[in-house]
Amino acid sequence: MSTEFERLKREALKAVDAVPPKGNAPTVDSTKEKTISGPQTVQARREQEWIPPILTARINKKSEFAGMGCFLQLLGIILFFCLIGFFPVGTILGIVVLIAFFSAGSAMSKKLSCSHCGNRISDKGVKICPTCKAEIIK
């Protein structure tokens, strides 16, 4: 793995050395150690150190069949049938409990995961996967 990394690093440095500087861009000396004369820019830093390619991934939504969310939905159905026996008030209360437990169970059964490595992601606002360090794109 490190030999391939070193090979990619050498190829990237050769490609950067082949591009001539423009205007007052810093000049890069092609010796063993890279030295920079002129203003320090992002381009110059990239020429000094090899930056690995950026991995991209998307957020996958998975739904669990068995788990706490399913248990909550089942509990809502059981409570609905238990409360329906107390006719006028119990029926209305049973419907409210059923809807509340079903929506909460449905929200609990949905899991977010990284499309690159498959590990769980905490929420939709995550920009980088904590496991594979892939950049999350929308």
Foldseek 3Di string as FASTA:
>chain_A
DVVVVVVVFVVVLVVLQVDADDDQAWDWDPDPQTDTDGDDDPSSVCNRDPDDDAAEWEKDKDFDPDDDLVVLLVVLVVQLVVQCVVPPVSNVVSVVSNVVSNVVSRVVRIFIATRPPGDTDDDPPDQADPPPRHGYDD
